[in-house]
Amino acid sequence: MFLIFALITLSGALAMFRQKNLVVAGLCLVLSFIGVSGLFLMLSNPVAAALQIIVYSGAIVVLVLFVIMLLNAHEEEPAVKPRSIQRWGSALVVAVLGVGAFKLVGSSPALRPANVRPVIEPMTLEQVGNYLVQQHLLAFEAIGLLLLASMVAAILLVKRDL
């Protein structure tokens, strides 16, 4: 089951990376988010899975797609032919970072036997709500105001004659 959700996540991310159409890339991003929510379900954390679907797949992707549709009123510039030195240089950087990431993960203490670590209970939706409202109310409200201001600014940028 893990491999299925991991393949869904990776295939959505790779398809998003390879797309030239921004709307299709946004839909591939939704596929990747669905795979991540399946991974959260496998970790016995249904709250994180539901928040992944509702917040990321629902709100953020819809906002991104609306901004793309609103701002995509002009013709795209023709693509510049990539230089081979940039291609090989970026491949070298990716290879070095990949080897470093594998070494870092391989030396991680999280890969030691699992019987040493205590079992952590997943949070319920009630605990998440209490945590947000009791301990982080100011940050929660500030993020809401920031998102509202960014939506108003995006609309004003597109529709200047309002």
N, C-alpha and C. Protein backbone atom coordinates (compact mmCIF):
# COMPACT_ATOMS: atom_id res chain seq x y z
N MET A 1 0.82 -1.19 0.00
CA MET A 1 0.00 0.00 0.00
C MET A 1 0.87 1.26 0.00
N PHE A 2 1.98 1.20 0.79
CA PHE A 2 2.87 2.35 0.83
C PHE A 2 3.44 2.64 -0.55
N LEU A 3 3.82 1.61 -1.27
CA LEU A 3 4.39 1.81 -2.60
C LEU A 3 3.38 2.42 -3.56
N ILE A 4 2.12 2.05 -3.42
CA ILE A 4 1.10 2.62 -4.29
C ILE A 4 0.96 4.12 -4.05
N PHE A 5 0.86 4.52 -2.77
CA PHE A 5 0.72 5.94 -2.46
C PHE A 5 2.00 6.71 -2.79
N ALA A 6 3.15 6.09 -2.58
CA ALA A 6 4.41 6.74 -2.93
C ALA A 6 4.51 6.93 -4.44
N LEU A 7 4.07 5.94 -5.22
CA LEU A 7 4.09 6.08 -6.68
C LEU A 7 3.10 7.14 -7.16
N ILE A 8 1.94 7.22 -6.52
CA ILE A 8 0.98 8.26 -6.87
C ILE A 8 1.57 9.64 -6.60
N THR A 9 2.22 9.79 -5.45
CA THR A 9 2.83 11.08 -5.10
C THR A 9 3.94 11.44 -6.07
N LEU A 10 4.83 10.50 -6.32
CA LEU A 10 5.96 10.78 -7.22
C LEU A 10 5.51 10.99 -8.66
N SER A 11 4.55 10.20 -9.12
CA SER A 11 4.10 10.37 -10.51
C SER A 11 3.38 11.71 -10.68
N GLY A 12 2.62 12.13 -9.69
CA GLY A 12 1.98 13.44 -9.77
C GLY A 12 3.00 14.57 -9.78
N ALA A 13 4.03 14.44 -8.95
CA ALA A 13 5.07 15.48 -8.90
C ALA A 13 5.87 15.52 -10.19
N LEU A 14 6.23 14.36 -10.72
CA LEU A 14 6.99 14.33 -11.97
C LEU A 14 6.15 14.81 -13.15
N ALA A 15 4.88 14.45 -13.17
CA ALA A 15 4.01 14.93 -14.25
C ALA A 15 3.83 16.44 -14.16
N MET A 16 3.74 16.98 -12.93
CA MET A 16 3.64 18.42 -12.77
C MET A 16 4.92 19.10 -13.26
N PHE A 17 6.04 18.50 -12.99
CA PHE A 17 7.33 19.06 -13.39
C PHE A 17 7.49 19.08 -14.91
N ARG A 18 6.93 18.11 -15.60
CA ARG A 18 7.11 17.98 -17.04
C ARG A 18 6.04 18.71 -17.86
N GLN A 19 5.00 19.24 -17.23
CA GLN A 19 3.91 19.87 -17.96
C GLN A 19 4.29 21.26 -18.45
N LYS A 20 3.84 21.58 -19.65
CA LYS A 20 4.01 22.93 -20.18
C LYS A 20 2.75 23.76 -19.93
N ASN A 21 1.62 23.11 -19.80
CA ASN A 21 0.36 23.79 -19.52
C ASN A 21 0.22 23.95 -18.01
N LEU A 22 0.05 25.18 -17.54
CA LEU A 22 0.02 25.44 -16.10
C LEU A 22 -1.23 24.87 -15.42
N VAL A 23 -2.34 24.84 -16.13
CA VAL A 23 -3.57 24.31 -15.53
C VAL A 23 -3.43 22.80 -15.31
N VAL A 24 -2.89 22.10 -16.29
CA VAL A 24 -2.67 20.65 -16.14
C VAL A 24 -1.64 20.39 -15.06
N ALA A 25 -0.63 21.26 -14.95
CA ALA A 25 0.36 21.12 -13.88
C ALA A 25 -0.29 21.28 -12.51
N GLY A 26 -1.25 22.19 -12.39
CA GLY A 26 -1.99 22.34 -11.13
C GLY A 26 -2.81 21.11 -10.79
N LEU A 27 -3.39 20.49 -11.81
CA LEU A 27 -4.15 19.26 -11.56
C LEU A 27 -3.23 18.10 -11.19
N CYS A 28 -2.03 18.07 -11.75
CA CYS A 28 -1.05 17.05 -11.35
C CYS A 28 -0.60 17.28 -9.92
N LEU A 29 -0.57 18.55 -9.49
CA LEU A 29 -0.25 18.86 -8.10
C LEU A 29 -1.31 18.30 -7.16
N VAL A 30 -2.57 18.34 -7.59
CA VAL A 30 -3.65 17.73 -6.80
C VAL A 30 -3.42 16.23 -6.64
N LEU A 31 -2.99 15.56 -7.72
CA LEU A 31 -2.71 14.13 -7.65
C LEU A 31 -1.59 13.85 -6.65
N SER A 32 -0.58 14.68 -6.65
CA SER A 32 0.51 14.51 -5.70
C SER A 32 0.02 14.71 -4.27
N PHE A 33 -0.83 15.69 -4.04
CA PHE A 33 -1.37 15.92 -2.70
C PHE A 33 -2.25 14.76 -2.24
N ILE A 34 -2.97 14.15 -3.15
CA ILE A 34 -3.79 12.99 -2.80
C ILE A 34 -2.91 11.83 -2.36
N GLY A 35 -1.80 11.63 -3.05
CA GLY A 35 -0.85 10.59 -2.64
C GLY A 35 -0.28 10.85 -1.26
N VAL A 36 0.03 12.11 -0.96
CA VAL A 36 0.55 12.45 0.36
C VAL A 36 -0.51 12.21 1.43
N SER A 37 -1.76 12.50 1.13
CA SER A 37 -2.81 12.24 2.12
C SER A 37 -2.98 10.74 2.35
N GLY A 38 -2.78 9.93 1.32
CA GLY A 38 -2.80 8.48 1.51
C GLY A 38 -1.67 8.02 2.41
N LEU A 39 -0.51 8.64 2.28
CA LEU A 39 0.61 8.31 3.17
C LEU A 39 0.28 8.69 4.61
N PHE A 40 -0.41 9.82 4.80
CA PHE A 40 -0.84 10.19 6.15
C PHE A 40 -1.83 9.17 6.71
N LEU A 41 -2.71 8.64 5.86
CA LEU A 41 -3.64 7.62 6.32
C LEU A 41 -2.90 6.36 6.75
N MET A 42 -1.85 6.03 6.04
CA MET A 42 -1.07 4.85 6.43
C MET A 42 -0.34 5.06 7.75
N LEU A 43 -0.07 6.31 8.10
CA LEU A 43 0.56 6.62 9.39
C LEU A 43 -0.47 6.72 10.51
N SER A 44 -1.71 6.34 10.24
CA SER A 44 -2.82 6.39 11.20
C SER A 44 -3.07 7.81 11.67
N ASN A 45 -3.03 8.74 10.74
CA ASN A 45 -3.30 10.13 11.07
C ASN A 45 -4.35 10.67 10.10
N PRO A 46 -5.62 10.33 10.33
CA PRO A 46 -6.67 10.77 9.41
C PRO A 46 -6.89 12.27 9.42
N VAL A 47 -6.55 12.95 10.52
CA VAL A 47 -6.74 14.40 10.57
C VAL A 47 -5.79 15.07 9.58
N ALA A 48 -4.52 14.65 9.59
CA ALA A 48 -3.56 15.24 8.65
C ALA A 48 -3.95 14.91 7.21
N ALA A 49 -4.48 13.72 6.97
CA ALA A 49 -4.91 13.35 5.62
C ALA A 49 -6.08 14.22 5.17
N ALA A 50 -7.04 14.44 6.05
CA ALA A 50 -8.18 15.28 5.70
C ALA A 50 -7.75 16.73 5.49
N LEU A 51 -6.86 17.22 6.34
CA LEU A 51 -6.37 18.59 6.16
C LEU A 51 -5.58 18.72 4.87
N GLN A 52 -4.84 17.69 4.50
CA GLN A 52 -4.08 17.71 3.24
C GLN A 52 -5.04 17.85 2.06
N ILE A 53 -6.13 17.09 2.08
CA ILE A 53 -7.09 17.16 0.98
C ILE A 53 -7.84 18.49 1.00
N ILE A 54 -8.33 18.90 2.17
CA ILE A 54 -9.15 20.10 2.25
C ILE A 54 -8.33 21.36 2.00
N VAL A 55 -7.22 21.50 2.71
CA VAL A 55 -6.46 22.74 2.63
C VAL A 55 -5.65 22.81 1.35
N TYR A 56 -4.82 21.80 1.10
CA TYR A 56 -3.94 21.89 -0.06
C TYR A 56 -4.67 21.62 -1.36
N SER A 57 -5.31 20.47 -1.46
CA SER A 57 -5.96 20.14 -2.72
C SER A 57 -7.15 21.05 -2.98
N GLY A 58 -7.85 21.42 -1.95
CA GLY A 58 -9.02 22.25 -2.14
C GLY A 58 -8.68 23.72 -2.29
N ALA A 59 -8.16 24.31 -1.25
CA ALA A 59 -8.02 25.76 -1.22
C ALA A 59 -6.82 26.27 -2.01
N ILE A 60 -5.65 25.75 -1.75
CA ILE A 60 -4.44 26.31 -2.36
C ILE A 60 -4.41 26.04 -3.86
N VAL A 61 -4.73 24.85 -4.28
CA VAL A 61 -4.70 24.56 -5.71
C VAL A 61 -5.77 25.35 -6.46
N VAL A 62 -6.95 25.50 -5.86
CA VAL A 62 -7.98 26.32 -6.50
C VAL A 62 -7.52 27.76 -6.60
N LEU A 63 -6.90 28.28 -5.54
CA LEU A 63 -6.37 29.64 -5.58
C LEU A 63 -5.29 29.78 -6.65
N VAL A 64 -4.39 28.82 -6.74
CA VAL A 64 -3.33 28.86 -7.75
C VAL A 64 -3.94 28.81 -9.15
N LEU A 65 -4.90 27.92 -9.37
CA LEU A 65 -5.51 27.82 -10.69
C LEU A 65 -6.26 29.09 -11.07
N PHE A 66 -6.96 29.72 -10.11
CA PHE A 66 -7.64 30.97 -10.42
C PHE A 66 -6.65 32.08 -10.75
N VAL A 67 -5.56 32.14 -10.00
CA VAL A 67 -4.55 33.16 -10.30
C VAL A 67 -3.94 32.91 -11.67
N ILE A 68 -3.68 31.65 -12.01
CA ILE A 68 -3.13 31.33 -13.33
C ILE A 68 -4.12 31.73 -14.41
N MET A 69 -5.40 31.43 -14.21
CA MET A 69 -6.40 31.76 -15.22
C MET A 69 -6.59 33.28 -15.34
N LEU A 70 -6.52 34.00 -14.21
CA LEU A 70 -6.70 35.44 -14.26
C LEU A 70 -5.50 36.15 -14.86
N LEU A 71 -4.31 35.69 -14.54
CA LEU A 71 -3.10 36.37 -15.00
C LEU A 71 -2.60 35.88 -16.35
N ASN A 72 -3.19 34.84 -16.90
CA ASN A 72 -2.70 34.25 -18.14
C ASN A 72 -3.41 34.89 -19.34
N ALA A 73 -3.51 36.23 -19.35
CA ALA A 73 -4.20 36.90 -20.43
C ALA A 73 -3.28 37.29 -21.57
N HIS A 74 -1.98 37.18 -21.40
CA HIS A 74 -1.03 37.58 -22.42
C HIS A 74 -0.41 36.37 -23.11
N GLU A 75 0.21 36.64 -24.22
CA GLU A 75 0.88 35.57 -24.96
C GLU A 75 2.18 35.21 -24.25
N GLU A 76 2.51 33.94 -24.30
CA GLU A 76 3.75 33.50 -23.68
C GLU A 76 4.93 33.81 -24.59
N GLU A 77 6.06 34.07 -23.96
CA GLU A 77 7.28 34.32 -24.72
C GLU A 77 7.81 33.00 -25.26
N PRO A 78 8.44 33.04 -26.42
CA PRO A 78 9.01 31.79 -26.94
C PRO A 78 10.14 31.30 -26.05
N ALA A 79 10.24 30.00 -25.94
CA ALA A 79 11.26 29.41 -25.08
C ALA A 79 12.64 29.60 -25.69
N VAL A 80 13.59 29.88 -24.81
CA VAL A 80 14.97 30.04 -25.26
C VAL A 80 15.61 28.66 -25.28
N LYS A 81 16.42 28.41 -26.29
CA LYS A 81 17.07 27.12 -26.41
C LYS A 81 18.04 26.94 -25.24
N PRO A 82 17.90 25.84 -24.46
CA PRO A 82 18.77 25.66 -23.30
C PRO A 82 20.21 25.36 -23.72
N ARG A 83 21.11 25.84 -22.93
CA ARG A 83 22.51 25.59 -23.18
C ARG A 83 22.89 24.24 -22.58
N SER A 84 23.78 23.54 -23.26
CA SER A 84 24.16 22.21 -22.79
C SER A 84 24.94 22.29 -21.49
N ILE A 85 25.70 23.36 -21.27
CA ILE A 85 26.45 23.49 -20.02
C ILE A 85 25.51 23.63 -18.83
N GLN A 86 24.36 24.31 -19.03
CA GLN A 86 23.39 24.42 -17.95
C GLN A 86 22.75 23.07 -17.65
N ARG A 87 22.47 22.33 -18.69
CA ARG A 87 21.86 21.02 -18.51
C ARG A 87 22.79 20.08 -17.74
N TRP A 88 24.06 20.02 -18.15
CA TRP A 88 25.01 19.12 -17.49
C TRP A 88 25.37 19.62 -16.09
N GLY A 89 25.45 20.92 -15.93
CA GLY A 89 25.72 21.47 -14.60
C GLY A 89 24.61 21.18 -13.62
N SER A 90 23.37 21.34 -14.07
CA SER A 90 22.24 21.05 -13.18
C SER A 90 22.15 19.56 -12.87
N ALA A 91 22.47 18.71 -13.85
CA ALA A 91 22.48 17.26 -13.59
C ALA A 91 23.54 16.90 -12.56
N LEU A 92 24.70 17.55 -12.63
CA LEU A 92 25.76 17.31 -11.65
C LEU A 92 25.35 17.76 -10.26
N VAL A 93 24.71 18.92 -10.17
CA VAL A 93 24.25 19.42 -8.87
C VAL A 93 23.19 18.48 -8.28
N VAL A 94 22.27 18.01 -9.11
CA VAL A 94 21.24 17.08 -8.63
C VAL A 94 21.86 15.78 -8.16
N ALA A 95 22.86 15.27 -8.88
CA ALA A 95 23.51 14.03 -8.49
C ALA A 95 24.24 14.20 -7.15
N VAL A 96 24.95 15.30 -6.97
CA VAL A 96 25.66 15.53 -5.72
C VAL A 96 24.69 15.67 -4.56
N LEU A 97 23.61 16.43 -4.77
CA LEU A 97 22.61 16.58 -3.71
C LEU A 97 21.90 15.26 -3.41
N GLY A 98 21.66 14.45 -4.44
CA GLY A 98 21.03 13.15 -4.22
C GLY A 98 21.90 12.21 -3.41
N VAL A 99 23.19 12.16 -3.73
CA VAL A 99 24.11 11.31 -2.97
C VAL A 99 24.20 11.79 -1.53
N GLY A 100 24.25 13.12 -1.34
CA GLY A 100 24.28 13.66 0.02
C GLY A 100 23.01 13.34 0.79
N ALA A 101 21.87 13.40 0.12
CA ALA A 101 20.61 13.08 0.78
C ALA A 101 20.55 11.61 1.18
N PHE A 102 21.01 10.72 0.30
CA PHE A 102 21.01 9.30 0.65
C PHE A 102 21.96 9.02 1.81
N LYS A 103 23.11 9.66 1.85
CA LYS A 103 24.04 9.47 2.97
C LYS A 103 23.43 10.00 4.26
N LEU A 104 22.76 11.15 4.17
CA LEU A 104 22.14 11.73 5.36
C LEU A 104 21.02 10.84 5.89
N VAL A 105 20.20 10.33 4.99
CA VAL A 105 19.11 9.45 5.42
C VAL A 105 19.67 8.14 5.96
N GLY A 106 20.72 7.63 5.34
CA GLY A 106 21.32 6.37 5.81
C GLY A 106 21.93 6.47 7.19
N SER A 107 22.43 7.64 7.56
CA SER A 107 23.02 7.81 8.89
C SER A 107 22.03 8.34 9.91
N SER A 108 20.78 8.42 9.57
CA SER A 108 19.77 8.98 10.45
C SER A 108 19.50 8.04 11.64
N PRO A 109 19.33 8.61 12.83
CA PRO A 109 18.98 7.76 13.98
C PRO A 109 17.55 7.23 13.91
N ALA A 110 16.75 7.77 13.01
CA ALA A 110 15.37 7.29 12.86
C ALA A 110 15.32 5.89 12.25
N LEU A 111 16.41 5.46 11.61
CA LEU A 111 16.43 4.14 10.98
C LEU A 111 16.88 3.04 11.94
N ARG A 112 17.19 3.40 13.17
CA ARG A 112 17.56 2.39 14.16
C ARG A 112 16.31 1.57 14.52
N PRO A 113 16.46 0.49 15.23
CA PRO A 113 15.30 -0.37 15.54
C PRO A 113 14.13 0.42 16.15
N ALA A 114 12.94 0.05 15.71
CA ALA A 114 11.74 0.79 16.10
C ALA A 114 11.29 0.49 17.52
N ASN A 115 11.80 -0.58 18.15
CA ASN A 115 11.32 -0.92 19.48
C ASN A 115 11.88 0.02 20.55
N VAL A 116 12.78 0.89 20.21
CA VAL A 116 13.36 1.82 21.18
C VAL A 116 12.48 3.06 21.32
N ARG A 117 11.83 3.47 20.24
CA ARG A 117 11.04 4.69 20.26
C ARG A 117 9.67 4.47 20.89
N PRO A 118 9.15 5.45 21.63
CA PRO A 118 7.80 5.32 22.19
C PRO A 118 6.76 5.50 21.09
N VAL A 119 5.59 4.92 21.31
CA VAL A 119 4.50 5.04 20.36
C VAL A 119 3.78 6.37 20.61
N ILE A 120 3.60 7.13 19.55
CA ILE A 120 2.94 8.43 19.66
C ILE A 120 1.53 8.30 19.10
N GLU A 121 0.56 8.72 19.89
CA GLU A 121 -0.83 8.67 19.46
C GLU A 121 -1.10 9.78 18.45
N PRO A 122 -1.83 9.50 17.36
CA PRO A 122 -2.16 10.57 16.40
C PRO A 122 -3.14 11.56 17.02
N MET A 123 -3.05 12.80 16.55
CA MET A 123 -3.94 13.84 17.06
C MET A 123 -5.33 13.68 16.47
N THR A 124 -6.32 13.99 17.27
CA THR A 124 -7.69 14.01 16.77
C THR A 124 -8.01 15.41 16.28
N LEU A 125 -9.12 15.54 15.59
CA LEU A 125 -9.53 16.85 15.08
C LEU A 125 -9.83 17.81 16.22
N GLU A 126 -10.37 17.30 17.30
CA GLU A 126 -10.65 18.14 18.46
C GLU A 126 -9.36 18.68 19.07
N GLN A 127 -8.33 17.85 19.14
CA GLN A 127 -7.04 18.30 19.68
C GLN A 127 -6.40 19.35 18.78
N VAL A 128 -6.52 19.18 17.46
CA VAL A 128 -5.97 20.17 16.54
C VAL A 128 -6.68 21.51 16.71
N GLY A 129 -8.02 21.47 16.79
CA GLY A 129 -8.79 22.69 16.97
C GLY A 129 -8.46 23.40 18.29
N ASN A 130 -8.38 22.62 19.37
CA ASN A 130 -8.03 23.22 20.66
C ASN A 130 -6.62 23.80 20.63
N TYR A 131 -5.70 23.13 20.00
CA TYR A 131 -4.32 23.60 19.92
C TYR A 131 -4.24 24.90 19.14
N LEU A 132 -4.97 24.99 18.01
CA LEU A 132 -4.94 26.21 17.21
C LEU A 132 -5.61 27.38 17.92
N VAL A 133 -6.75 27.14 18.55
CA VAL A 133 -7.52 28.23 19.14
C VAL A 133 -6.96 28.64 20.50
N GLN A 134 -6.41 27.72 21.27
CA GLN A 134 -5.94 28.07 22.60
C GLN A 134 -4.50 28.59 22.59
N GLN A 135 -3.61 27.94 21.85
CA GLN A 135 -2.20 28.30 21.94
C GLN A 135 -1.70 29.16 20.79
N HIS A 136 -2.35 29.11 19.65
CA HIS A 136 -1.87 29.84 18.48
C HIS A 136 -2.97 30.68 17.84
N LEU A 137 -3.80 31.30 18.63
CA LEU A 137 -4.92 32.06 18.09
C LEU A 137 -4.45 33.28 17.30
N LEU A 138 -3.45 33.99 17.80
CA LEU A 138 -2.98 35.19 17.11
C LEU A 138 -2.38 34.82 15.75
N ALA A 139 -1.57 33.78 15.70
CA ALA A 139 -0.98 33.36 14.42
C ALA A 139 -2.06 32.85 13.46
N PHE A 140 -3.04 32.15 13.98
CA PHE A 140 -4.14 31.64 13.15
C PHE A 140 -4.91 32.78 12.52
N GLU A 141 -5.22 33.82 13.29
CA GLU A 141 -5.93 34.98 12.76
C GLU A 141 -5.06 35.78 11.80
N ALA A 142 -3.76 35.90 12.10
CA ALA A 142 -2.86 36.64 11.22
C ALA A 142 -2.73 35.97 9.87
N ILE A 143 -2.69 34.65 9.84
CA ILE A 143 -2.60 33.92 8.57
C ILE A 143 -3.89 34.12 7.77
N GLY A 144 -5.03 34.11 8.45
CA GLY A 144 -6.30 34.36 7.76
C GLY A 144 -6.34 35.74 7.13
N LEU A 145 -5.87 36.76 7.86
CA LEU A 145 -5.83 38.12 7.31
C LEU A 145 -4.83 38.23 6.16
N LEU A 146 -3.70 37.55 6.27
CA LEU A 146 -2.71 37.58 5.21
C LEU A 146 -3.23 36.93 3.94
N LEU A 147 -3.95 35.82 4.07
CA LEU A 147 -4.55 35.17 2.89
C LEU A 147 -5.63 36.06 2.27
N LEU A 148 -6.43 36.72 3.09
CA LEU A 148 -7.44 37.63 2.56
C LEU A 148 -6.79 38.80 1.82
N ALA A 149 -5.74 39.36 2.40
CA ALA A 149 -5.06 40.48 1.75
C ALA A 149 -4.41 40.05 0.44
N SER A 150 -3.86 38.85 0.40
CA SER A 150 -3.23 38.38 -0.85
C SER A 150 -4.28 38.14 -1.94
N MET A 151 -5.46 37.65 -1.57
CA MET A 151 -6.51 37.46 -2.57
C MET A 151 -7.02 38.80 -3.10
N VAL A 152 -7.19 39.78 -2.22
CA VAL A 152 -7.63 41.10 -2.66
C VAL A 152 -6.57 41.74 -3.55
N ALA A 153 -5.29 41.60 -3.20
CA ALA A 153 -4.21 42.17 -4.01
C ALA A 153 -4.14 41.51 -5.37
N ALA A 154 -4.35 40.20 -5.43
CA ALA A 154 -4.32 39.50 -6.72
C ALA A 154 -5.46 39.98 -7.62
N ILE A 155 -6.62 40.17 -7.04
CA ILE A 155 -7.76 40.65 -7.84
C ILE A 155 -7.52 42.08 -8.30
N LEU A 156 -6.97 42.92 -7.43
CA LEU A 156 -6.70 44.31 -7.81
C LEU A 156 -5.62 44.41 -8.88
N LEU A 157 -4.66 43.50 -8.86
CA LEU A 157 -3.63 43.52 -9.90
C LEU A 157 -4.21 43.18 -11.26
N VAL A 158 -5.16 42.28 -11.28
CA VAL A 158 -5.73 41.85 -12.55
C VAL A 158 -6.80 42.82 -13.03
N LYS A 159 -7.65 43.23 -12.15
CA LYS A 159 -8.77 44.11 -12.50
C LYS A 159 -8.49 45.52 -11.97
N ARG A 160 -7.67 46.28 -12.69
CA ARG A 160 -7.28 47.62 -12.23
C ARG A 160 -8.40 48.64 -12.33
N ASP A 161 -9.43 48.38 -13.11
CA ASP A 161 -10.49 49.37 -13.30
C ASP A 161 -11.65 49.19 -12.33
N LEU A 162 -11.46 48.50 -11.22
CA LEU A 162 -12.54 48.32 -10.25
C LEU A 162 -12.80 49.57 -9.48
